C-alpha cells in the first residue's frame, strides 16, 4: 500500500513538472487575446470540427442511402 502511495505521489509531481508547466507556458498567450482573437479562435475551432461542410457534405460515390424495404 505504501508503494502505491509513493508511485501516485511521484507520478503527480512528474506530471505537474513535465506536462502542466510546459502546457501553461505554451497556452499563456491565449489568455492575452482580445475579443477579436477569441472570436477568430472559436471560428477556427468550429471549422476544424466540421463547420458548415460537415453537415451538408454529399455522400461518397458507391454509398447508397438506406432504403425502407418494409
PDB file of N, CA and C in Angstrom:
ATOM      1  N   UNK A   1       0.825  -1.201   0.000  1.00  0.00           N
ATOM      2  CA  UNK A   1       0.000   0.000   0.000  1.00  0.00           C
ATOM      3  C   UNK A   1       0.867   1.263   0.000  1.00  0.00           C
ATOM      4  N   UNK A   2       1.929   1.211   0.776  1.00  0.00           N
ATOM      5  CA  UNK A   2       2.832   2.359   0.828  1.00  0.00           C
ATOM      6  C   UNK A   2       3.489   2.595  -0.532  1.00  0.00           C
ATOM      7  N   UNK A   3       3.807   1.503  -1.211  1.00  0.00           N
ATOM      8  CA  UNK A   3       4.428   1.616  -2.537  1.00  0.00           C
ATOM      9  C   UNK A   3       3.474   2.298  -3.524  1.00  0.00           C
ATOM     10  N   UNK A   4       2.187   1.983  -3.439  1.00  0.00           N
ATOM     11  CA  UNK A   4       1.195   2.607  -4.309  1.00  0.00           C
ATOM     12  C   UNK A   4       1.112   4.109  -4.052  1.00  0.00           C
ATOM     13  N   UNK A   5       1.146   4.496  -2.794  1.00  0.00           N
ATOM     14  CA  UNK A   5       1.102   5.915  -2.442  1.00  0.00           C
ATOM     15  C   UNK A   5       2.337   6.633  -2.991  1.00  0.00           C
ATOM     16  N   UNK A   6       3.495   6.000  -2.863  1.00  0.00           N
ATOM     17  CA  UNK A   6       4.731   6.600  -3.372  1.00  0.00           C
ATOM     18  C   UNK A   6       4.658   6.763  -4.889  1.00  0.00           C
ATOM     19  N   UNK A   7       4.161   5.748  -5.581  1.00  0.00           N
ATOM     20  CA  UNK A   7       4.043   5.817  -7.043  1.00  0.00           C
ATOM     21  C   UNK A   7       3.084   6.933  -7.451  1.00  0.00           C
ATOM     22  N   UNK A   8       1.959   7.053  -6.773  1.00  0.00           N
ATOM     23  CA  UNK A   8       0.983   8.098  -7.099  1.00  0.00           C
ATOM     24  C   UNK A   8       1.581   9.482  -6.865  1.00  0.00           C
ATOM     25  N   UNK A   9       2.295   9.658  -5.775  1.00  0.00           N
ATOM     26  CA  UNK A   9       2.903  10.963  -5.484  1.00  0.00           C
ATOM     27  C   UNK A   9       3.970  11.303  -6.524  1.00  0.00           C
ATOM     28  N   UNK A  10       4.810  10.335  -6.870  1.00  0.00           N
ATOM     29  CA  UNK A  10       5.863  10.581  -7.857  1.00  0.00           C
ATOM     30  C   UNK A  10       5.255  10.906  -9.220  1.00  0.00           C
ATOM     31  N   UNK A  11       4.227  10.171  -9.631  1.00  0.00           N
ATOM     32  CA  UNK A  11       3.584  10.451 -10.914  1.00  0.00           C
ATOM     33  C   UNK A  11       2.913  11.819 -10.923  1.00  0.00           C
ATOM     34  N   UNK A  12       2.311  12.198  -9.814  1.00  0.00           N
ATOM     35  CA  UNK A  12       1.662  13.505  -9.731  1.00  0.00           C
ATOM     36  C   UNK A  12       2.682  14.631  -9.865  1.00  0.00           C
ATOM     37  N   UNK A  13       3.792  14.506  -9.165  1.00  0.00           N
ATOM     38  CA  UNK A  13       4.837  15.529  -9.250  1.00  0.00           C
ATOM     39  C   UNK A  13       5.430  15.569 -10.658  1.00  0.00           C
ATOM     40  N   UNK A  14       5.652  14.398 -11.246  1.00  0.00           N
ATOM     41  CA  UNK A  14       6.226  14.346 -12.592  1.00  0.00           C
ATOM     42  C   UNK A  14       5.287  14.977 -13.608  1.00  0.00           C
ATOM     43  N   UNK A  15       3.991  14.660 -13.506  1.00  0.00           N
ATOM     44  CA  UNK A  15       3.035  15.241 -14.452  1.00  0.00           C
ATOM     45  C   UNK A  15       2.954  16.754 -14.307  1.00  0.00           C
ATOM     46  N   UNK A  16       2.969  17.230 -13.076  1.00  0.00           N
ATOM     47  CA  UNK A  16       2.872  18.675 -12.895  1.00  0.00           C
ATOM     48  C   UNK A  16       4.130  19.374 -13.396  1.00  0.00           C
ATOM     49  N   UNK A  17       5.265  18.707 -13.293  1.00  0.00           N
ATOM     50  CA  UNK A  17       6.508  19.349 -13.714  1.00  0.00           C
ATOM     51  C   UNK A  17       6.729  19.244 -15.217  1.00  0.00           C
ATOM     52  N   UNK A  18       6.472  18.093 -15.798  1.00  0.00           N
ATOM     53  CA  UNK A  18       6.803  17.859 -17.206  1.00  0.00           C
ATOM     54  C   UNK A  18       5.640  18.085 -18.163  1.00  0.00           C
ATOM     55  N   UNK A  19       4.424  18.130 -17.648  1.00  0.00           N
ATOM     56  CA  UNK A  19       3.273  18.274 -18.533  1.00  0.00           C
ATOM     57  C   UNK A  19       2.539  19.589 -18.311  1.00  0.00           C
ATOM     58  N   UNK A  20       2.195  19.875 -17.068  1.00  0.00           N
ATOM     59  CA  UNK A  20       1.363  21.045 -16.795  1.00  0.00           C
ATOM     60  C   UNK A  20       2.140  22.344 -16.994  1.00  0.00           C
ATOM     61  N   UNK A  21       3.368  22.405 -16.502  1.00  0.00           N
ATOM     62  CA  UNK A  21       4.135  23.647 -16.638  1.00  0.00           C
ATOM     63  C   UNK A  21       4.421  24.013 -18.096  1.00  0.00           C
ATOM     64  N   UNK A  22       4.913  23.083 -18.934  1.00  0.00           N
ATOM     65  CA  UNK A  22       5.097  23.457 -20.348  1.00  0.00           C
ATOM     66  C   UNK A  22       3.787  23.784 -21.052  1.00  0.00           C
ATOM     67  N   UNK A  23       2.719  23.090 -20.680  1.00  0.00           N
ATOM     68  CA  UNK A  23       1.424  23.354 -21.304  1.00  0.00           C
ATOM     69  C   UNK A  23       0.928  24.753 -20.967  1.00  0.00           C
ATOM     70  N   UNK A  24       1.075  25.163 -19.722  1.00  0.00           N
ATOM     71  CA  UNK A  24       0.652  26.517 -19.361  1.00  0.00           C
ATOM     72  C   UNK A  24       1.550  27.565 -20.004  1.00  0.00           C
ATOM     73  N   UNK A  25       2.826  27.251 -20.182  1.00  0.00           N
ATOM     74  CA  UNK A  25       3.721  28.204 -20.850  1.00  0.00           C
ATOM     75  C   UNK A  25       3.335  28.378 -22.313  1.00  0.00           C
ATOM     76  N   UNK A  26       2.912  27.290 -22.949  1.00  0.00           N
ATOM     77  CA  UNK A  26       2.502  27.366 -24.354  1.00  0.00           C
ATOM     78  C   UNK A  26       1.158  28.075 -24.490  1.00  0.00           C
ATOM     79  N   UNK A  27       0.237  27.801 -23.568  1.00  0.00           N
ATOM     80  CA  UNK A  27      -1.106  28.366 -23.665  1.00  0.00           C
ATOM     81  C   UNK A  27      -1.218  29.768 -23.080  1.00  0.00           C
ATOM     82  N   UNK A  28      -0.174  30.268 -22.433  1.00  0.00           N
ATOM     83  CA  UNK A  28      -0.241  31.578 -21.788  1.00  0.00           C
ATOM     84  C   UNK A  28      -0.640  32.710 -22.740  1.00  0.00           C
ATOM     85  N   UNK A  29      -0.149  32.740 -23.982  1.00  0.00           N
ATOM     86  CA  UNK A  29      -0.579  33.829 -24.878  1.00  0.00           C
ATOM     87  C   UNK A  29      -2.085  33.843 -25.147  1.00  0.00           C
ATOM     88  N   UNK A  30      -2.754  32.692 -25.002  1.00  0.00           N
ATOM     89  CA  UNK A  30      -4.202  32.676 -25.222  1.00  0.00           C
ATOM     90  C   UNK A  30      -4.932  33.554 -24.223  1.00  0.00           C
ATOM     91  N   UNK A  31      -4.389  33.689 -23.016  1.00  0.00           N
ATOM     92  CA  UNK A  31      -5.061  34.488 -22.001  1.00  0.00           C
ATOM     93  C   UNK A  31      -4.953  35.982 -22.285  1.00  0.00           C
ATOM     94  N   UNK A  32      -4.073  36.366 -23.200  1.00  0.00           N
ATOM     95  CA  UNK A  32      -3.896  37.774 -23.538  1.00  0.00           C
ATOM     96  C   UNK A  32      -4.601  38.160 -24.836  1.00  0.00           C
ATOM     97  N   UNK A  33      -5.450  37.286 -25.361  1.00  0.00           N
ATOM     98  CA  UNK A  33      -6.150  37.586 -26.606  1.00  0.00           C
ATOM     99  C   UNK A  33      -7.240  38.628 -26.385  1.00  0.00           C
ATOM    100  N   UNK A  34      -7.468  39.451 -27.388  1.00  0.00           N
ATOM    101  CA  UNK A  34      -8.586  40.386 -27.349  1.00  0.00           C
ATOM    102  C   UNK A  34      -9.863  39.642 -27.734  1.00  0.00           C
ATOM    103  N   UNK A  35     -10.974  40.326 -27.734  1.00  0.00           N
ATOM    104  CA  UNK A  35     -12.237  39.668 -28.101  1.00  0.00           C
ATOM    105  C   UNK A  35     -12.202  39.206 -29.545  1.00  0.00           C
ATOM    106  N   UNK A  36     -11.487  39.944 -30.405  1.00  0.00           N
ATOM    107  CA  UNK A  36     -11.374  39.546 -31.801  1.00  0.00           C
ATOM    108  C   UNK A  36     -10.548  38.264 -31.939  1.00  0.00           C
ATOM    109  N   UNK A  37      -9.487  38.161 -31.170  1.00  0.00           N
ATOM    110  CA  UNK A  37      -8.670  36.952 -31.193  1.00  0.00           C
ATOM    111  C   UNK A  37      -9.438  35.734 -30.726  1.00  0.00           C
ATOM    112  N   UNK A  38     -10.239  35.898 -29.660  1.00  0.00           N
ATOM    113  CA  UNK A  38     -11.058  34.777 -29.178  1.00  0.00           C
ATOM    114  C   UNK A  38     -12.095  34.384 -30.221  1.00  0.00           C
ATOM    115  N   UNK A  39     -12.668  35.385 -30.895  1.00  0.00           N
ATOM    116  CA  UNK A  39     -13.650  35.084 -31.937  1.00  0.00           C
ATOM    117  C   UNK A  39     -13.038  34.312 -33.089  1.00  0.00           C
ATOM    118  N   UNK A  40     -11.857  34.736 -33.524  1.00  0.00           N
ATOM    119  CA  UNK A  40     -11.178  34.018 -34.601  1.00  0.00           C
ATOM    120  C   UNK A  40     -10.794  32.607 -34.177  1.00  0.00           C
ATOM    121  N   UNK A  41     -10.385  32.449 -32.927  1.00  0.00           N
ATOM    122  CA  UNK A  41     -10.041  31.123 -32.421  1.00  0.00           C
ATOM    123  C   UNK A  41     -11.265  30.216 -32.390  1.00  0.00           C
ATOM    124  N   UNK A  42     -12.418  30.754 -32.004  1.00  0.00           N
ATOM    125  CA  UNK A  42     -13.650  29.962 -31.988  1.00  0.00           C
ATOM    126  C   UNK A  42     -14.085  29.576 -33.400  1.00  0.00           C
ATOM    127  N   UNK A  43     -13.968  30.501 -34.346  1.00  0.00           N
ATOM    128  CA  UNK A  43     -14.326  30.191 -35.734  1.00  0.00           C
ATOM    129  C   UNK A  43     -13.400  29.117 -36.293  1.00  0.00           C
ATOM    130  N   UNK A  44     -12.119  29.221 -36.004  1.00  0.00           N
ATOM    131  CA  UNK A  44     -11.164  28.213 -36.463  1.00  0.00           C
ATOM    132  C   UNK A  44     -11.475  26.846 -35.861  1.00  0.00           C
ATOM    133  N   UNK A  45     -11.800  26.812 -34.577  1.00  0.00           N
ATOM    134  CA  UNK A  45     -12.153  25.541 -33.934  1.00  0.00           C
ATOM    135  C   UNK A  45     -13.428  24.969 -34.536  1.00  0.00           C
ATOM    136  N   UNK A  46     -14.394  25.833 -34.847  1.00  0.00           N
ATOM    137  CA  UNK A  46     -15.651  25.382 -35.445  1.00  0.00           C
ATOM    138  C   UNK A  46     -15.408  24.792 -36.829  1.00  0.00           C
ATOM    139  N   UNK A  47     -14.560  25.454 -37.613  1.00  0.00           N
ATOM    140  CA  UNK A  47     -14.256  24.944 -38.946  1.00  0.00           C
ATOM    141  C   UNK A  47     -13.501  23.623 -38.883  1.00  0.00           C
ATOM    142  N   UNK A  48     -12.570  23.500 -37.945  1.00  0.00           N
ATOM    143  CA  UNK A  48     -11.827  22.255 -37.806  1.00  0.00           C
ATOM    144  C   UNK A  48     -12.718  21.118 -37.313  1.00  0.00           C
ATOM    145  N   UNK A  49     -13.768  21.448 -36.588  1.00  0.00           N
ATOM    146  CA  UNK A  49     -14.680  20.428 -36.075  1.00  0.00           C
ATOM    147  C   UNK A  49     -15.686  19.968 -37.125  1.00  0.00           C
ATOM    148  N   UNK A  50     -15.692  20.560 -38.269  1.00  0.00           N
ATOM    149  CA  UNK A  50     -16.632  20.147 -39.315  1.00  0.00           C
ATOM    150  C   UNK A  50     -17.343  21.330 -39.910  1.00  0.00           C
ATOM    151  N   UNK A  51     -17.661  22.285 -39.095  1.00  0.00           N
ATOM    152  CA  UNK A  51     -18.274  23.519 -39.563  1.00  0.00           C
ATOM    153  C   UNK A  51     -19.479  23.289 -40.437  1.00  0.00           C
ATOM    154  N   UNK A  52     -19.596  24.083 -41.469  1.00  0.00           N
ATOM    155  CA  UNK A  52     -20.726  24.006 -42.382  1.00  0.00           C
ATOM    156  C   UNK A  52     -20.622  22.771 -43.262  1.00  0.00           C
ATOM    157  N   UNK A  53     -19.441  22.457 -43.735  1.00  0.00           N
ATOM    158  CA  UNK A  53     -19.275  21.354 -44.676  1.00  0.00           C
ATOM    159  C   UNK A  53     -19.540  20.000 -44.031  1.00  0.00           C
ATOM    160  N   UNK A  54     -19.399  19.902 -42.719  1.00  0.00           N
ATOM    161  CA  UNK A  54     -19.593  18.613 -42.062  1.00  0.00           C
ATOM    162  C   UNK A  54     -21.021  18.125 -42.113  1.00  0.00           C
ATOM    163  N   UNK A  55     -21.998  19.033 -42.150  1.00  0.00           N
ATOM    164  CA  UNK A  55     -23.393  18.608 -42.105  1.00  0.00           C
ATOM    165  C   UNK A  55     -24.010  18.457 -43.492  1.00  0.00           C
ATOM    166  N   UNK A  56     -23.441  19.101 -44.507  1.00  0.00           N
ATOM    167  CA  UNK A  56     -24.067  19.059 -45.825  1.00  0.00           C
ATOM    168  C   UNK A  56     -23.160  18.443 -46.886  1.00  0.00           C
ATOM    169  N   UNK A  57     -22.213  17.646 -46.476  1.00  0.00           N
ATOM    170  CA  UNK A  57     -21.306  17.031 -47.442  1.00  0.00           C
ATOM    171  C   UNK A  57     -22.063  16.001 -48.271  1.00  0.00           C
ATOM    172  N   UNK A  58     -21.826  15.965 -49.586  1.00  0.00           N
ATOM    173  CA  UNK A  58     -22.516  14.976 -50.426  1.00  0.00           C
ATOM    174  C   UNK A  58     -22.042  13.563 -50.088  1.00  0.00           C
ATOM    175  N   UNK A  59     -22.906  12.575 -50.297  1.00  0.00           N
ATOM    176  CA  UNK A  59     -22.497  11.197 -49.999  1.00  0.00           C
ATOM    177  C   UNK A  59     -21.390  10.747 -50.938  1.00  0.00           C
ATOM    178  N   UNK A  60     -20.554   9.870 -50.442  1.00  0.00           N
ATOM    179  CA  UNK A  60     -19.470   9.347 -51.275  1.00  0.00           C
ATOM    180  C   UNK A  60     -20.025   8.435 -52.350  1.00  0.00           C
ATOM    181  N   UNK A  61     -19.333   8.374 -53.450  1.00  0.00           N
ATOM    182  CA  UNK A  61     -19.769   7.537 -54.556  1.00  0.00           C
ATOM    183  C   UNK A  61     -19.744   6.071 -54.129  1.00  0.00           C
ATOM    184  N   UNK A  62     -20.828   5.371 -54.429  1.00  0.00           N
ATOM    185  CA  UNK A  62     -20.917   3.961 -54.065  1.00  0.00           C
ATOM    186  C   UNK A  62     -21.589   3.719 -52.730  1.00  0.00           C
ATOM    187  N   UNK A  63     -21.897   4.783 -51.989  1.00  0.00           N
ATOM    188  CA  UNK A  63     -22.587   4.596 -50.714  1.00  0.00           C
ATOM    189  C   UNK A  63     -24.031   5.053 -50.881  1.00  0.00           C
ATOM    190  N   UNK A  64     -24.912   4.116 -51.102  1.00  0.00           N
ATOM    191  CA  UNK A  64     -26.323   4.419 -51.298  1.00  0.00           C
ATOM    192  C   UNK A  64     -26.989   4.658 -49.952  1.00  0.00           C
ATOM    193  N   UNK A  65     -27.940   5.578 -49.918  1.00  0.00           N
ATOM    194  CA  UNK A  65     -28.664   5.793 -48.662  1.00  0.00           C
ATOM    195  C   UNK A  65     -29.526   4.573 -48.339  1.00  0.00           C
ATOM    196  N   UNK A  66     -29.764   4.324 -47.067  1.00  0.00           N
ATOM    197  CA  UNK A  66     -30.599   3.167 -46.712  1.00  0.00           C
ATOM    198  C   UNK A  66     -32.029   3.347 -47.219  1.00  0.00           C
ATOM    199  N   UNK A  67     -32.612   2.275 -47.683  1.00  0.00           N
ATOM    200  CA  UNK A  67     -33.989   2.322 -48.180  1.00  0.00           C
ATOM    201  C   UNK A  67     -34.879   1.492 -47.275  1.00  0.00           C
ATOM    202  N   UNK A  68     -36.131   1.897 -47.205  1.00  0.00           N
ATOM    203  CA  UNK A  68     -37.103   1.175 -46.381  1.00  0.00           C
ATOM    204  C   UNK A  68     -37.718   0.063 -47.227  1.00  0.00           C
ATOM    205  N   UNK A  69     -37.436  -1.162 -46.887  1.00  0.00           N
ATOM    206  CA  UNK A  69     -37.951  -2.297 -47.653  1.00  0.00           C
ATOM    207  C   UNK A  69     -39.008  -3.049 -46.848  1.00  0.00           C
ATOM    208  N   UNK A  70     -39.873  -2.309 -46.192  1.00  0.00           N
ATOM    209  CA  UNK A  70     -40.883  -2.898 -45.324  1.00  0.00           C
ATOM    210  C   UNK A  70     -42.047  -3.358 -46.048  1.00  0.00           C
TER     211      UNK A  70
END
